[in-house]
Amino acid sequence: MSNNLARLAKLNWTDPKTKQTQEYVLMAGATASIGRLAENDICIPEQHVSRRHAIVAYREELGGFVVDDPGSANGTFLNDKLVRLPTRLCDGDEIRLYVPIVQYFEQVTEQERVVAQEKGTLISAVLNFGKGKLIITTGPQEGSTIPLLLNELTVGRATNRATWEIALQDPSVSRPHARLALKNGRWVLTDLGSANGTKINGVAVDGNGRTLRDGDIVAFGSTLALFRTI
């Protein structure tokens, strides 16, 4: 297998109604959101699946693709263990979305890649630097999408006197809480000394800031948001 193919992976799941297997091929650097909404990269319209249930993303420092949960109602399980932080996927792993099961494989043939490209199920890396959005996945504003239209935005609790660009209706969010700044085409997230902290994929962000990547799960207090490049 060539180096390029070795960096591919695939996800498949079987529709319980039609019994048909749907397969998606992931290229290195890709992020795949899985959920009930049609706007997900992989839509699974089942009642036990949250609107945005799980995220599969490529992380070079972890050696490949990982799975994480952006705050689903019923939990995401990897080989029947609850996913709490980004967890490295291995060939043959099963991702269970409470009931539906998505299988992960690292062996991808050139023919499978070509077929996926023809069918529109090849998920590639998104490289639109400078463009981004936050999709609220838990909290009072769940389902809201916040486009990042300015080069610098402050995040804080929604109040009558709030002057920040992103106001969250969550009492666990400070006034203000964090700042997003576009630096050299990348979004950098910095905590502003918030009471309940800011996290990226479960890891605390300090005043020095951290760069966001497509598919990161950001926590502003109790509110979770999925960062996507557009």
Protein backbone atom coordinates (compact mmCIF):
# COMPACT_ATOMS: atom_id res chain seq x y z
CA MET A 1 0.00 0.00 0.00
CA SER A 2 1.34 3.45 -0.90
CA ASN A 3 1.98 6.13 1.72
CA ASN A 4 -1.00 8.13 0.45
CA LEU A 5 -3.35 5.18 0.77
CA ALA A 6 -1.95 4.34 4.20
CA ARG A 7 -3.16 7.77 5.32
CA LEU A 8 -6.72 7.04 4.24
CA ALA A 9 -9.42 5.47 6.37
CA LYS A 10 -13.07 4.59 5.97
CA LEU A 11 -16.24 4.59 8.01
CA ASN A 12 -19.31 2.53 7.29
CA TRP A 13 -22.66 1.86 8.87
CA THR A 14 -25.66 -0.23 7.93
CA ASP A 15 -29.08 1.39 7.69
CA PRO A 16 -31.35 -0.74 9.92
CA LYS A 17 -34.35 -0.06 7.67
CA THR A 18 -32.90 -0.64 4.22
CA LYS A 19 -30.09 -2.98 5.37
CA GLN A 20 -27.81 -1.11 2.95
CA THR A 21 -24.23 -0.35 4.00
CA GLN A 22 -23.04 3.21 3.48
CA GLU A 23 -19.30 3.80 3.25
CA TYR A 24 -17.29 7.01 3.54
CA VAL A 25 -13.57 7.36 2.80
CA LEU A 26 -11.57 9.88 4.86
CA MET A 27 -8.43 11.52 3.56
CA ALA A 28 -5.63 12.54 5.93
CA GLY A 29 -6.51 15.89 7.47
CA ALA A 30 -10.25 15.33 7.07
CA THR A 31 -12.90 15.94 9.70
CA ALA A 32 -16.23 14.11 9.62
CA SER A 33 -19.17 15.19 11.74
CA ILE A 34 -21.70 12.43 12.37
CA GLY A 35 -25.27 13.14 13.43
CA ARG A 36 -28.97 13.24 12.70
CA LEU A 37 -28.96 16.53 10.79
CA ALA A 38 -28.55 16.39 7.02
CA GLU A 39 -25.81 19.06 7.17
CA ASN A 40 -23.43 16.61 8.85
CA ASP A 41 -20.72 15.01 6.74
CA ILE A 42 -22.30 11.67 7.65
CA CYS A 43 -26.04 11.81 8.30
CA ILE A 44 -27.60 9.00 10.33
CA PRO A 45 -31.32 9.86 10.70
CA GLU A 46 -32.01 7.67 13.73
CA GLN A 47 -33.99 8.79 16.80
CA HIS A 48 -31.22 7.91 19.28
CA VAL A 49 -28.63 9.93 17.34
CA SER A 50 -28.13 13.57 18.37
CA ARG A 51 -28.18 16.39 15.86
CA ARG A 52 -24.37 16.41 16.04
CA HIS A 53 -23.39 13.24 17.80
CA ALA A 54 -19.71 12.46 17.14
CA ILE A 55 -16.64 13.88 15.45
CA VAL A 56 -13.94 11.89 13.65
CA ALA A 57 -10.89 14.04 12.94
CA TYR A 58 -7.32 13.53 11.79
CA ARG A 59 -4.71 14.46 14.37
CA GLU A 60 -1.09 14.14 13.22
CA GLU A 61 0.30 14.27 16.77
CA LEU A 62 -1.84 11.30 17.77
CA GLY A 63 -0.85 9.27 14.75
CA GLY A 64 -4.12 9.25 12.83
CA PHE A 65 -7.86 9.64 13.23
CA VAL A 66 -9.54 10.19 16.60
CA VAL A 67 -13.18 10.13 17.72
CA ASP A 68 -14.73 12.63 20.13
CA ASP A 69 -18.19 13.53 21.40
CA PRO A 70 -19.39 17.16 21.14
CA GLY A 71 -21.99 16.70 23.87
CA SER A 72 -24.47 14.15 22.50
CA ALA A 73 -27.52 13.27 24.55
CA ASN A 74 -26.92 9.51 24.66
CA GLY A 75 -23.14 9.33 24.46
CA THR A 76 -20.60 7.98 21.99
CA PHE A 77 -18.97 4.62 22.72
CA LEU A 78 -15.75 3.23 21.28
CA ASN A 79 -15.72 -0.57 21.56
CA ASP A 80 -18.44 -0.15 24.22
CA LYS A 81 -16.42 2.33 26.31
CA LEU A 82 -17.82 5.84 26.75
CA VAL A 83 -15.78 8.44 24.88
CA ARG A 84 -14.88 11.36 27.16
CA LEU A 85 -11.85 12.80 25.33
CA PRO A 86 -10.46 12.51 21.78
CA THR A 87 -9.50 8.83 21.43
CA ARG A 88 -7.25 7.32 18.75
CA LEU A 89 -9.04 4.97 16.37
CA CYS A 90 -7.56 1.63 15.33
CA ASP A 91 -8.41 -0.66 12.44
CA GLY A 92 -11.63 -2.58 13.15
CA ASP A 93 -12.89 -0.30 15.93
CA GLU A 94 -16.63 0.11 16.46
CA ILE A 95 -18.10 3.53 17.20
CA ARG A 96 -21.54 3.14 18.78
CA LEU A 97 -23.91 6.10 18.77
CA TYR A 98 -26.02 4.63 21.59
CA VAL A 99 -27.69 2.22 19.14
CA PRO A 100 -26.34 2.69 15.57
CA ILE A 101 -22.82 1.34 15.02
CA VAL A 102 -20.23 2.92 12.74
CA GLN A 103 -17.21 0.78 11.87
CA TYR A 104 -13.75 2.23 11.31
CA PHE A 105 -11.13 0.68 9.03
CA GLU A 106 -7.65 1.80 8.05
CA GLN A 107 -7.32 -0.49 5.04
CA VAL A 108 -8.55 1.41 1.98
CA THR A 109 -7.97 0.34 -1.60
CA GLU A 110 -7.49 2.68 -4.53
CA GLN A 111 -10.73 1.37 -6.01
CA GLU A 112 -12.63 2.26 -2.82
CA ARG A 113 -11.18 5.78 -2.93
CA VAL A 114 -12.22 6.22 -6.57
CA VAL A 115 -15.73 4.89 -5.90
CA ALA A 116 -16.12 7.21 -2.90
CA GLN A 117 -15.03 10.17 -5.00
CA GLU A 118 -17.54 9.30 -7.70
CA LYS A 119 -20.36 8.84 -5.18
CA GLY A 120 -19.55 12.01 -3.25
CA THR A 121 -18.60 10.12 -0.08
CA LEU A 122 -14.91 11.05 -0.13
CA ILE A 123 -14.27 13.45 2.77
CA SER A 124 -11.20 15.62 2.24
CA ALA A 125 -9.34 18.10 4.41
CA VAL A 126 -10.72 21.63 4.49
CA LEU A 127 -8.01 24.23 3.89
CA ASN A 128 -9.94 27.51 3.85
CA PHE A 129 -7.68 29.44 6.22
CA GLY A 130 -9.19 32.51 7.83
CA LYS A 131 -12.78 31.33 7.56
CA GLY A 132 -14.48 29.60 10.41
CA LYS A 133 -17.62 29.13 12.47
CA LEU A 134 -18.70 27.85 15.86
CA ILE A 135 -21.64 25.45 16.03
CA ILE A 136 -23.16 25.29 19.51
CA THR A 137 -23.70 21.62 20.39
CA THR A 138 -24.82 21.90 24.03
CA GLY A 139 -26.29 24.67 26.13
CA PRO A 140 -29.26 27.06 25.81
CA GLN A 141 -28.27 28.00 22.24
CA GLU A 142 -27.76 24.44 21.00
CA GLY A 143 -27.99 24.27 17.22
CA SER A 144 -26.96 27.89 16.66
CA THR A 145 -24.17 28.63 14.19
CA ILE A 146 -21.91 31.62 14.80
CA PRO A 147 -19.83 32.69 11.78
CA LEU A 148 -16.47 34.25 12.62
CA LEU A 149 -16.70 37.36 10.46
CA LEU A 150 -14.24 39.67 12.26
CA ASN A 151 -10.53 39.24 12.81
CA GLU A 152 -11.02 39.41 16.57
CA LEU A 153 -14.05 38.46 18.64
CA THR A 154 -14.68 38.33 22.37
CA VAL A 155 -16.87 35.62 23.90
CA GLY A 156 -18.84 36.34 27.06
CA ARG A 157 -22.09 35.85 28.93
CA ALA A 158 -25.17 37.45 27.42
CA THR A 159 -26.26 40.43 29.55
CA ASN A 160 -28.08 43.70 28.93
CA ARG A 161 -24.76 45.55 28.90
CA ALA A 162 -22.71 42.98 27.00
CA THR A 163 -20.37 44.54 24.45
CA TRP A 164 -18.73 41.32 23.19
CA GLU A 165 -19.39 39.98 19.72
CA ILE A 166 -20.34 36.45 20.84
CA ALA A 167 -22.83 36.47 23.72
CA LEU A 168 -23.69 33.10 25.23
CA GLN A 169 -26.83 32.57 27.31
CA ASP A 170 -25.06 30.46 29.91
CA PRO A 171 -24.52 31.49 33.57
CA SER A 172 -21.29 29.43 33.66
CA VAL A 173 -19.77 31.77 31.04
CA SER A 174 -17.83 34.73 32.44
CA ARG A 175 -18.17 38.44 31.51
CA PRO A 176 -16.00 38.33 29.38
CA HIS A 177 -14.79 34.74 28.97
CA ALA A 178 -12.45 34.21 25.99
CA ARG A 179 -11.12 35.79 22.82
CA LEU A 180 -10.82 34.52 19.25
CA ALA A 181 -8.21 36.18 17.05
CA LEU A 182 -7.19 35.50 13.46
CA LYS A 183 -3.40 35.27 13.27
CA ASN A 184 -1.56 34.32 10.07
CA GLY A 185 -4.71 32.73 8.69
CA ARG A 186 -5.37 30.62 11.80
CA TRP A 187 -7.85 31.15 14.62
CA VAL A 188 -6.26 31.38 18.06
CA LEU A 189 -8.39 30.97 21.19
CA THR A 190 -7.32 32.62 24.46
CA ASP A 191 -8.94 32.43 27.89
CA LEU A 192 -9.50 35.79 29.58
CA GLY A 193 -9.27 34.56 33.16
CA SER A 194 -12.75 33.04 33.13
CA ALA A 195 -14.14 31.47 36.31
CA ASN A 196 -15.02 28.12 34.74
CA GLY A 197 -12.32 27.92 32.11
CA THR A 198 -12.02 27.47 28.37
CA LYS A 199 -11.03 24.10 26.90
CA ILE A 200 -10.18 22.64 23.51
CA ASN A 201 -10.87 18.90 23.27
CA GLY A 202 -10.91 18.68 27.05
CA VAL A 203 -7.57 20.47 27.55
CA ALA A 204 -7.55 23.82 29.33
CA VAL A 205 -6.64 26.96 27.37
CA ASP A 206 -4.61 29.63 29.19
CA GLY A 207 -3.75 33.25 28.52
CA ASN A 208 -1.14 32.25 25.94
CA GLY A 209 -3.80 30.86 23.63
CA ARG A 210 -4.05 27.81 21.41
CA THR A 211 -4.61 27.44 17.67
CA LEU A 212 -7.91 25.91 16.58
CA ARG A 213 -8.20 23.15 13.99
CA ASP A 214 -11.16 21.94 12.01
CA GLY A 215 -13.21 19.58 14.19
CA ASP A 216 -12.02 20.87 17.56
CA ILE A 217 -14.56 20.85 20.38
CA VAL A 218 -14.43 24.04 22.43
CA ALA A 219 -15.87 24.43 25.93
CA PHE A 220 -16.82 27.89 27.23
CA GLY A 221 -17.84 26.97 30.75
CA SER A 222 -20.68 24.45 30.29
CA THR A 223 -21.36 25.41 26.67
CA LEU A 224 -19.76 23.19 24.00
CA ALA A 225 -19.14 24.38 20.46
CA LEU A 226 -17.77 22.62 17.40
CA PHE A 227 -15.21 24.64 15.43
CA ARG A 228 -15.37 24.16 11.67
CA THR A 229 -13.51 25.85 8.88
CA ILE A 230 -15.87 26.94 6.13
